C-alpha atoms as a PDB file:
ATOM      1  CA  UNK A   1     -10.218 -19.487 -51.348  1.00  0.00           C
ATOM      2  CA  UNK A   2     -10.611 -16.104 -49.706  1.00  0.00           C
ATOM      3  CA  UNK A   3      -9.697 -16.367 -45.977  1.00  0.00           C
ATOM      4  CA  UNK A   4      -8.626 -13.371 -43.869  1.00  0.00           C
ATOM      5  CA  UNK A   5      -7.102 -14.055 -40.508  1.00  0.00           C
ATOM      6  CA  UNK A   6      -7.227 -11.588 -37.560  1.00  0.00           C
ATOM      7  CA  UNK A   7      -5.160 -12.501 -34.488  1.00  0.00           C
ATOM      8  CA  UNK A   8      -7.111 -12.193 -31.213  1.00  0.00           C
ATOM      9  CA  UNK A   9      -5.573  -9.515 -29.069  1.00  0.00           C
ATOM     10  CA  UNK A  10      -4.064 -10.419 -25.686  1.00  0.00           C
ATOM     11  CA  UNK A  11      -6.169  -8.908 -22.849  1.00  0.00           C
ATOM     12  CA  UNK A  12      -3.057  -7.023 -21.608  1.00  0.00           C
ATOM     13  CA  UNK A  13      -2.711  -5.165 -24.919  1.00  0.00           C
ATOM     14  CA  UNK A  14      -5.115  -2.298 -24.141  1.00  0.00           C
ATOM     15  CA  UNK A  15      -4.685  -0.425 -27.430  1.00  0.00           C
ATOM     16  CA  UNK A  16      -5.377  -3.512 -29.607  1.00  0.00           C
ATOM     17  CA  UNK A  17      -7.985  -4.860 -27.222  1.00  0.00           C
ATOM     18  CA  UNK A  18      -9.955  -1.523 -27.583  1.00  0.00           C
ATOM     19  CA  UNK A  19      -9.978  -1.864 -31.374  1.00  0.00           C
ATOM     20  CA  UNK A  20     -10.966  -5.574 -31.110  1.00  0.00           C
ATOM     21  CA  UNK A  21     -13.390  -5.152 -28.240  1.00  0.00           C
ATOM     22  CA  UNK A  22     -16.352  -6.499 -30.236  1.00  0.00           C
ATOM     23  CA  UNK A  23     -14.468  -9.746 -30.768  1.00  0.00           C
ATOM     24  CA  UNK A  24     -14.303 -10.533 -27.024  1.00  0.00           C
ATOM     25  CA  UNK A  25     -16.622 -13.298 -25.798  1.00  0.00           C
ATOM     26  CA  UNK A  26     -18.214 -11.049 -23.153  1.00  0.00           C
ATOM     27  CA  UNK A  27     -19.308  -8.543 -25.835  1.00  0.00           C
ATOM     28  CA  UNK A  28     -20.545 -11.039 -28.329  1.00  0.00           C
ATOM     29  CA  UNK A  29     -24.233 -10.931 -29.237  1.00  0.00           C
ATOM     30  CA  UNK A  30     -24.414 -14.784 -29.253  1.00  0.00           C
ATOM     31  CA  UNK A  31     -22.615 -15.325 -25.988  1.00  0.00           C
ATOM     32  CA  UNK A  32     -25.646 -17.085 -24.473  1.00  0.00           C
ATOM     33  CA  UNK A  33     -25.450 -19.679 -27.290  1.00  0.00           C
ATOM     34  CA  UNK A  34     -21.726 -20.314 -27.167  1.00  0.00           C
ATOM     35  CA  UNK A  35     -21.182 -20.053 -23.358  1.00  0.00           C
ATOM     36  CA  UNK A  36     -22.986 -21.104 -20.159  1.00  0.00           C
ATOM     37  CA  UNK A  37     -24.757 -18.441 -18.073  1.00  0.00           C
ATOM     38  CA  UNK A  38     -23.225 -16.956 -15.069  1.00  0.00           C
ATOM     39  CA  UNK A  39     -19.512 -16.808 -16.081  1.00  0.00           C
ATOM     40  CA  UNK A  40     -17.632 -14.117 -14.189  1.00  0.00           C
ATOM     41  CA  UNK A  41     -14.955 -11.848 -15.669  1.00  0.00           C
ATOM     42  CA  UNK A  42     -12.182 -14.203 -14.673  1.00  0.00           C
ATOM     43  CA  UNK A  43     -13.921 -17.222 -16.285  1.00  0.00           C
ATOM     44  CA  UNK A  44     -14.594 -15.230 -19.512  1.00  0.00           C
ATOM     45  CA  UNK A  45     -10.890 -14.179 -19.676  1.00  0.00           C
ATOM     46  CA  UNK A  46      -9.930 -17.828 -19.360  1.00  0.00           C
ATOM     47  CA  UNK A  47     -12.369 -18.800 -22.138  1.00  0.00           C
ATOM     48  CA  UNK A  48     -11.030 -16.004 -24.360  1.00  0.00           C
ATOM     49  CA  UNK A  49      -7.581 -17.552 -24.166  1.00  0.00           C
ATOM     50  CA  UNK A  50      -8.888 -20.488 -26.267  1.00  0.00           C
ATOM     51  CA  UNK A  51      -9.519 -18.357 -29.307  1.00  0.00           C
ATOM     52  CA  UNK A  52      -6.657 -18.410 -31.663  1.00  0.00           C
ATOM     53  CA  UNK A  53      -7.771 -15.998 -34.290  1.00  0.00           C
ATOM     54  CA  UNK A  54     -10.842 -14.778 -36.233  1.00  0.00           C
ATOM     55  CA  UNK A  55     -11.319 -15.799 -39.828  1.00  0.00           C
ATOM     56  CA  UNK A  56     -13.329 -14.110 -42.492  1.00  0.00           C
ATOM     57  CA  UNK A  57     -14.569 -16.389 -45.123  1.00  0.00           C
ATOM     58  CA  UNK A  58     -16.054 -14.977 -48.422  1.00  0.00           C
ATOM     59  CA  UNK A  59     -19.322 -16.377 -49.858  1.00  0.00           C
ATOM     60  CA  UNK A  60     -18.871 -19.782 -51.498  1.00  0.00           C
ATOM     61  CA  UNK A  61     -15.432 -20.339 -50.015  1.00  0.00           C
ATOM     62  CA  UNK A  62     -14.446 -23.333 -47.921  1.00  0.00           C
ATOM     63  CA  UNK A  63     -13.560 -23.101 -44.246  1.00  0.00           C
ATOM     64  CA  UNK A  64     -12.385 -26.776 -44.070  1.00  0.00           C
ATOM     65  CA  UNK A  65     -12.755 -29.779 -46.366  1.00  0.00           C
ATOM     66  CA  UNK A  66     -13.768 -33.371 -45.716  1.00  0.00           C
ATOM     67  CA  UNK A  67     -10.589 -35.443 -45.211  1.00  0.00           C
ATOM     68  CA  UNK A  68      -8.646 -32.459 -43.859  1.00  0.00           C
ATOM     69  CA  UNK A  69      -6.737 -32.942 -40.609  1.00  0.00           C
ATOM     70  CA  UNK A  70      -8.681 -31.785 -37.609  1.00  0.00           C
ATOM     71  CA  UNK A  71      -7.181 -29.255 -35.168  1.00  0.00           C
ATOM     72  CA  UNK A  72      -9.734 -26.517 -34.543  1.00  0.00           C
ATOM     73  CA  UNK A  73     -13.335 -25.875 -33.857  1.00  0.00           C
ATOM     74  CA  UNK A  74     -15.074 -22.736 -35.286  1.00  0.00           C
ATOM     75  CA  UNK A  75     -17.640 -20.636 -33.529  1.00  0.00           C
ATOM     76  CA  UNK A  76     -19.669 -18.691 -36.100  1.00  0.00           C
ATOM     77  CA  UNK A  77     -19.414 -14.994 -35.241  1.00  0.00           C
ATOM     78  CA  UNK A  78     -21.656 -13.760 -38.100  1.00  0.00           C
ATOM     79  CA  UNK A  79     -22.856 -15.211 -41.336  1.00  0.00           C
ATOM     80  CA  UNK A  80     -24.117 -18.639 -42.415  1.00  0.00           C
ATOM     81  CA  UNK A  81     -22.494 -21.876 -43.463  1.00  0.00           C
ATOM     82  CA  UNK A  82     -23.590 -25.270 -44.823  1.00  0.00           C
ATOM     83  CA  UNK A  83     -21.824 -28.552 -44.370  1.00  0.00           C
ATOM     84  CA  UNK A  84     -21.888 -31.256 -47.015  1.00  0.00           C
ATOM     85  CA  UNK A  85     -20.337 -34.545 -48.117  1.00  0.00           C
ATOM     86  CA  UNK A  86     -20.005 -36.210 -51.439  1.00  0.00           C
ATOM     87  CA  UNK A  87     -22.032 -39.331 -52.133  1.00  0.00           C
ATOM     88  CA  UNK A  88     -20.910 -42.396 -54.107  1.00  0.00           C
ATOM     89  CA  UNK A  89     -21.966 -40.815 -57.383  1.00  0.00           C
ATOM     90  CA  UNK A  90     -19.948 -37.655 -56.636  1.00  0.00           C
ATOM     91  CA  UNK A  91     -22.924 -35.495 -55.932  1.00  0.00           C
ATOM     92  CA  UNK A  92     -23.078 -33.086 -53.098  1.00  0.00           C
ATOM     93  CA  UNK A  93     -25.129 -34.231 -50.064  1.00  0.00           C
ATOM     94  CA  UNK A  94     -25.937 -31.336 -47.701  1.00  0.00           C
ATOM     95  CA  UNK A  95     -25.771 -32.386 -44.062  1.00  0.00           C
ATOM     96  CA  UNK A  96     -26.625 -29.145 -42.212  1.00  0.00           C
ATOM     97  CA  UNK A  97     -27.118 -25.403 -42.322  1.00  0.00           C
ATOM     98  CA  UNK A  98     -25.324 -23.361 -39.592  1.00  0.00           C
ATOM     99  CA  UNK A  99     -25.697 -19.728 -38.476  1.00  0.00           C
ATOM    100  CA  UNK A 100     -24.175 -17.356 -35.925  1.00  0.00           C
ATOM    101  CA  UNK A 101     -23.717 -18.887 -32.563  1.00  0.00           C
ATOM    102  CA  UNK A 102     -23.261 -22.518 -33.869  1.00  0.00           C
ATOM    103  CA  UNK A 103     -20.065 -24.490 -33.640  1.00  0.00           C
ATOM    104  CA  UNK A 104     -18.436 -26.052 -36.731  1.00  0.00           C
ATOM    105  CA  UNK A 105     -15.890 -28.810 -36.896  1.00  0.00           C
ATOM    106  CA  UNK A 106     -17.308 -31.244 -34.245  1.00  0.00           C
ATOM    107  CA  UNK A 107     -17.238 -34.032 -36.838  1.00  0.00           C
ATOM    108  CA  UNK A 108     -13.459 -34.043 -36.753  1.00  0.00           C
ATOM    109  CA  UNK A 109     -13.111 -35.057 -33.132  1.00  0.00           C
ATOM    110  CA  UNK A 110     -13.765 -38.730 -33.593  1.00  0.00           C
ATOM    111  CA  UNK A 111     -11.149 -39.700 -36.128  1.00  0.00           C
ATOM    112  CA  UNK A 112      -8.859 -36.716 -36.310  1.00  0.00           C
ATOM    113  CA  UNK A 113     -10.096 -35.706 -39.769  1.00  0.00           C
ATOM    114  CA  UNK A 114     -13.120 -33.644 -40.877  1.00  0.00           C
ATOM    115  CA  UNK A 115     -15.932 -35.815 -42.254  1.00  0.00           C
ATOM    116  CA  UNK A 116     -17.669 -32.949 -44.000  1.00  0.00           C
ATOM    117  CA  UNK A 117     -16.800 -29.763 -45.940  1.00  0.00           C
ATOM    118  CA  UNK A 118     -18.008 -26.359 -44.598  1.00  0.00           C
ATOM    119  CA  UNK A 119     -18.906 -23.769 -47.180  1.00  0.00           C
ATOM    120  CA  UNK A 120     -19.839 -20.096 -46.462  1.00  0.00           C
ATOM    121  CA  UNK A 121     -23.350 -19.168 -47.735  1.00  0.00           C
ATOM    122  CA  UNK A 122     -22.494 -15.474 -47.407  1.00  0.00           C
ATOM    123  CA  UNK A 123     -19.469 -13.342 -46.276  1.00  0.00           C
ATOM    124  CA  UNK A 124     -18.942 -14.788 -42.790  1.00  0.00           C
ATOM    125  CA  UNK A 125     -16.590 -14.695 -39.761  1.00  0.00           C
ATOM    126  CA  UNK A 126     -15.625 -17.405 -37.367  1.00  0.00           C
ATOM    127  CA  UNK A 127     -13.630 -17.572 -34.161  1.00  0.00           C
ATOM    128  CA  UNK A 128     -10.956 -20.325 -34.524  1.00  0.00           C
ATOM    129  CA  UNK A 129     -10.635 -22.447 -31.349  1.00  0.00           C
ATOM    130  CA  UNK A 130      -7.625 -24.834 -31.193  1.00  0.00           C
ATOM    131  CA  UNK A 131      -9.092 -28.030 -29.791  1.00  0.00           C
ATOM    132  CA  UNK A 132      -6.088 -28.926 -27.672  1.00  0.00           C
ATOM    133  CA  UNK A 133      -6.293 -25.570 -25.954  1.00  0.00           C
ATOM    134  CA  UNK A 134      -9.978 -25.878 -25.438  1.00  0.00           C
ATOM    135  CA  UNK A 135      -9.581 -29.300 -23.719  1.00  0.00           C
ATOM    136  CA  UNK A 136      -7.271 -27.622 -21.222  1.00  0.00           C
ATOM    137  CA  UNK A 137      -9.840 -24.929 -20.283  1.00  0.00           C
ATOM    138  CA  UNK A 138     -12.687 -27.437 -20.192  1.00  0.00           C
ATOM    139  CA  UNK A 139     -10.739 -29.582 -17.658  1.00  0.00           C
ATOM    140  CA  UNK A 140     -10.416 -26.464 -15.435  1.00  0.00           C
ATOM    141  CA  UNK A 141     -14.097 -25.318 -15.824  1.00  0.00           C
ATOM    142  CA  UNK A 142     -16.751 -27.931 -15.189  1.00  0.00           C
ATOM    143  CA  UNK A 143     -19.554 -25.584 -16.227  1.00  0.00           C
ATOM    144  CA  UNK A 144     -17.899 -25.129 -19.653  1.00  0.00           C
ATOM    145  CA  UNK A 145     -17.471 -28.840 -19.954  1.00  0.00           C
ATOM    146  CA  UNK A 146     -21.170 -29.474 -19.267  1.00  0.00           C
ATOM    147  CA  UNK A 147     -22.006 -26.756 -21.858  1.00  0.00           C
ATOM    148  CA  UNK A 148     -19.714 -28.445 -24.433  1.00  0.00           C
ATOM    149  CA  UNK A 149     -21.389 -31.777 -23.760  1.00  0.00           C
ATOM    150  CA  UNK A 150     -24.847 -30.112 -24.316  1.00  0.00           C
ATOM    151  CA  UNK A 151     -23.469 -28.802 -27.716  1.00  0.00           C
ATOM    152  CA  UNK A 152     -22.441 -32.303 -28.659  1.00  0.00           C
ATOM    153  CA  UNK A 153     -25.799 -33.616 -27.746  1.00  0.00           C
ATOM    154  CA  UNK A 154     -27.499 -30.953 -29.871  1.00  0.00           C
ATOM    155  CA  UNK A 155     -25.412 -32.071 -32.755  1.00  0.00           C
ATOM    156  CA  UNK A 156     -26.565 -35.643 -32.351  1.00  0.00           C
ATOM    157  CA  UNK A 157     -30.213 -34.439 -32.244  1.00  0.00           C
ATOM    158  CA  UNK A 158     -29.759 -32.564 -35.490  1.00  0.00           C
ATOM    159  CA  UNK A 159     -28.338 -35.697 -37.122  1.00  0.00           C
ATOM    160  CA  UNK A 160     -31.254 -37.701 -35.861  1.00  0.00           C
ATOM    161  CA  UNK A 161     -33.635 -35.062 -37.219  1.00  0.00           C
ATOM    162  CA  UNK A 162     -31.901 -35.311 -40.691  1.00  0.00           C
ATOM    163  CA  UNK A 163     -32.325 -39.125 -40.690  1.00  0.00           C
ATOM    164  CA  UNK A 164     -36.104 -38.533 -39.874  1.00  0.00           C
ATOM    165  CA  UNK A 165     -36.330 -36.130 -42.898  1.00  0.00           C
ATOM    166  CA  UNK A 166     -35.044 -38.779 -45.233  1.00  0.00           C
ATOM    167  CA  UNK A 167     -36.681 -41.860 -43.726  1.00  0.00           C
ATOM    168  CA  UNK A 168     -40.140 -41.130 -42.548  1.00  0.00           C
ATOM    169  CA  UNK A 169     -41.493 -37.780 -43.695  1.00  0.00           C
ATOM    170  CA  UNK A 170     -43.363 -36.894 -46.802  1.00  0.00           C
ATOM    171  CA  UNK A 171     -41.902 -34.145 -49.056  1.00  0.00           C
ATOM    172  CA  UNK A 172     -44.203 -31.477 -47.740  1.00  0.00           C
ATOM    173  CA  UNK A 173     -43.513 -32.473 -44.108  1.00  0.00           C
ATOM    174  CA  UNK A 174     -39.753 -32.219 -44.684  1.00  0.00           C
ATOM    175  CA  UNK A 175     -39.972 -28.691 -46.079  1.00  0.00           C
ATOM    176  CA  UNK A 176     -42.346 -27.543 -43.319  1.00  0.00           C
ATOM    177  CA  UNK A 177     -40.003 -28.996 -40.709  1.00  0.00           C
ATOM    178  CA  UNK A 178     -36.990 -27.188 -42.201  1.00  0.00           C
ATOM    179  CA  UNK A 179     -38.869 -23.815 -42.227  1.00  0.00           C
ATOM    180  CA  UNK A 180     -39.902 -24.318 -38.596  1.00  0.00           C
ATOM    181  CA  UNK A 181     -36.366 -25.286 -37.577  1.00  0.00           C
ATOM    182  CA  UNK A 182     -35.014 -22.114 -39.189  1.00  0.00           C
ATOM    183  CA  UNK A 183     -37.766 -20.061 -37.551  1.00  0.00           C
ATOM    184  CA  UNK A 184     -36.975 -21.417 -34.015  1.00  0.00           C
ATOM    185  CA  UNK A 185     -33.239 -20.901 -34.478  1.00  0.00           C
ATOM    186  CA  UNK A 186     -33.680 -17.328 -35.620  1.00  0.00           C
ATOM    187  CA  UNK A 187     -35.958 -16.642 -32.668  1.00  0.00           C
ATOM    188  CA  UNK A 188     -33.253 -17.944 -30.242  1.00  0.00           C
ATOM    189  CA  UNK A 189     -30.942 -15.326 -31.694  1.00  0.00           C
ATOM    190  CA  UNK A 190     -33.337 -12.444 -31.225  1.00  0.00           C
ATOM    191  CA  UNK A 191     -34.619 -12.279 -34.830  1.00  0.00           C
ATOM    192  CA  UNK A 192     -38.114 -12.533 -36.173  1.00  0.00           C
ATOM    193  CA  UNK A 193     -39.344 -16.131 -36.184  1.00  0.00           C
ATOM    194  CA  UNK A 194     -41.747 -15.303 -38.901  1.00  0.00           C
ATOM    195  CA  UNK A 195     -39.746 -13.400 -41.465  1.00  0.00           C
ATOM    196  CA  UNK A 196     -36.255 -14.276 -42.566  1.00  0.00           C
ATOM    197  CA  UNK A 197     -34.067 -14.850 -45.545  1.00  0.00           C
ATOM    198  CA  UNK A 198     -33.174 -18.332 -46.863  1.00  0.00           C
ATOM    199  CA  UNK A 199     -29.454 -18.120 -47.190  1.00  0.00           C
ATOM    200  CA  UNK A 200     -29.189 -21.408 -49.040  1.00  0.00           C
ATOM    201  CA  UNK A 201     -30.226 -22.061 -52.613  1.00  0.00           C
ATOM    202  CA  UNK A 202     -33.288 -24.192 -53.443  1.00  0.00           C
ATOM    203  CA  UNK A 203     -30.929 -26.726 -54.863  1.00  0.00           C
ATOM    204  CA  UNK A 204     -29.094 -27.004 -51.530  1.00  0.00           C
ATOM    205  CA  UNK A 205     -32.475 -27.210 -49.731  1.00  0.00           C
ATOM    206  CA  UNK A 206     -33.384 -30.084 -52.008  1.00  0.00           C
ATOM    207  CA  UNK A 207     -30.036 -31.782 -51.334  1.00  0.00           C
ATOM    208  CA  UNK A 208     -30.609 -31.489 -47.570  1.00  0.00           C
ATOM    209  CA  UNK A 209     -34.161 -32.790 -47.719  1.00  0.00           C
ATOM    210  CA  UNK A 210     -33.491 -35.542 -50.179  1.00  0.00           C
ATOM    211  CA  UNK A 211     -35.806 -34.078 -52.802  1.00  0.00           C
ATOM    212  CA  UNK A 212     -35.648 -32.811 -56.347  1.00  0.00           C
ATOM    213  CA  UNK A 213     -35.254 -29.041 -56.749  1.00  0.00           C
ATOM    214  CA  UNK A 214     -38.522 -29.062 -58.788  1.00  0.00           C
ATOM    215  CA  UNK A 215     -40.335 -30.570 -55.805  1.00  0.00           C
ATOM    216  CA  UNK A 216     -39.024 -27.912 -53.388  1.00  0.00           C
ATOM    217  CA  UNK A 217     -40.135 -25.155 -55.864  1.00  0.00           C
ATOM    218  CA  UNK A 218     -43.557 -26.667 -56.210  1.00  0.00           C
ATOM    219  CA  UNK A 219     -44.003 -27.084 -52.479  1.00  0.00           C
ATOM    220  CA  UNK A 220     -43.085 -23.450 -51.830  1.00  0.00           C
ATOM    221  CA  UNK A 221     -45.625 -22.428 -54.394  1.00  0.00           C
ATOM    222  CA  UNK A 222     -48.224 -24.611 -52.835  1.00  0.00           C
ATOM    223  CA  UNK A 223     -47.572 -23.268 -49.303  1.00  0.00           C
ATOM    224  CA  UNK A 224     -47.803 -19.764 -50.793  1.00  0.00           C
ATOM    225  CA  UNK A 225     -51.022 -20.412 -52.640  1.00  0.00           C
ATOM    226  CA  UNK A 226     -52.592 -21.872 -49.523  1.00  0.00           C
ATOM    227  CA  UNK A 227     -51.725 -18.779 -47.490  1.00  0.00           C
ATOM    228  CA  UNK A 228     -49.273 -20.550 -45.222  1.00  0.00           C
ATOM    229  CA  UNK A 229     -46.233 -18.482 -46.288  1.00  0.00           C
ATOM    230  CA  UNK A 230     -45.351 -15.494 -48.407  1.00  0.00           C
ATOM    231  CA  UNK A 231     -42.125 -15.447 -50.315  1.00  0.00           C
ATOM    232  CA  UNK A 232     -40.242 -13.413 -52.855  1.00  0.00           C
ATOM    233  CA  UNK A 233     -36.937 -14.727 -54.088  1.00  0.00           C
ATOM    234  CA  UNK A 234     -35.285 -15.841 -50.814  1.00  0.00           C
ATOM    235  CA  UNK A 235     -37.359 -13.777 -48.410  1.00  0.00           C
ATOM    236  CA  UNK A 236     -39.804 -15.957 -46.421  1.00  0.00           C
ATOM    237  CA  UNK A 237     -42.714 -14.829 -44.257  1.00  0.00           C
ATOM    238  CA  UNK A 238     -44.621 -17.395 -42.211  1.00  0.00           C
ATOM    239  CA  UNK A 239     -48.274 -16.208 -42.274  1.00  0.00           C
ATOM    240  CA  UNK A 240     -49.912 -19.242 -40.609  1.00  0.00           C
ATOM    241  CA  UNK A 241     -47.418 -20.743 -38.011  1.00  0.00           C
ATOM    242  CA  UNK A 242     -49.927 -23.230 -36.613  1.00  0.00           C
ATOM    243  CA  UNK A 243     -50.818 -24.618 -40.071  1.00  0.00           C
ATOM    244  CA  UNK A 244     -47.129 -25.018 -40.770  1.00  0.00           C
ATOM    245  CA  UNK A 245     -46.698 -26.843 -37.529  1.00  0.00           C
ATOM    246  CA  UNK A 246     -49.687 -29.110 -38.265  1.00  0.00           C
ATOM    247  CA  UNK A 247     -48.165 -29.985 -41.598  1.00  0.00           C
ATOM    248  CA  UNK A 248     -44.823 -30.667 -40.140  1.00  0.00           C
ATOM    249  CA  UNK A 249     -46.378 -33.016 -37.578  1.00  0.00           C
ATOM    250  CA  UNK A 250     -48.007 -35.242 -40.197  1.00  0.00           C
ATOM    251  CA  UNK A 251     -51.587 -34.089 -39.354  1.00  0.00           C
ATOM    252  CA  UNK A 252     -52.174 -32.624 -42.771  1.00  0.00           C
ATOM    253  CA  UNK A 253     -54.463 -29.605 -43.070  1.00  0.00           C
ATOM    254  CA  UNK A 254     -56.871 -29.927 -45.977  1.00  0.00           C
ATOM    255  CA  UNK A 255     -55.421 -28.936 -49.336  1.00  0.00           C
ATOM    256  CA  UNK A 256     -51.816 -28.668 -48.170  1.00  0.00           C
ATOM    257  CA  UNK A 257     -50.496 -32.183 -48.861  1.00  0.00           C
ATOM    258  CA  UNK A 258     -48.300 -32.521 -51.908  1.00  0.00           C
ATOM    259  CA  UNK A 259     -47.577 -35.921 -53.345  1.00  0.00           C
END
């Protein structure tokens, strides 16, 4: 495992703080995702005291494993991760894909151990947040507490969406929904909603969607041939957003459905 640790500089240490200024919450590009709006300088300084350190995790390395004792949450500063669990046959079951601005480790709050394993899909960096320290700050800042509850609610909604993938949607609807979900999340971060890279492999997409890798490859080719998307290797461009939305909704456009 390749993990580098960088201690967060105390605000009083001006020399170090200058070098690490981009690590401060107030300067973070994803502040609006991690923090509620309207925090003043004093509130931001208090929030920054919750960050224990920053960790760099190399591609394919593990940030935490299922069964590991829970103690920290991790805010993704840059990069991408996926979370997964092993099924009864020992196969990897992908439970989610996370990107900058998302919070990892929430699954450990309930029982004191992580239920899933978090793996970096590319060289990434996270802000480590000791949970006990976070609870103290949340108790002192009702606005932060409300924001944290919204984050927990969003996690529940993502889990419900995954259940819908596996239970009710056709294979083509599942893939269309995943592409739209990624598009929306990139747009929230200021990136193009129509053109982005798939950081995960087709195999991991298949594991997340409950499909075979051959089905995912065939669906991508069908979407391309019907002019809905353009793709080369892992670069995706959505050419017909409305048609993709129609497909994801279950109201199939002619010629798009794949059994």
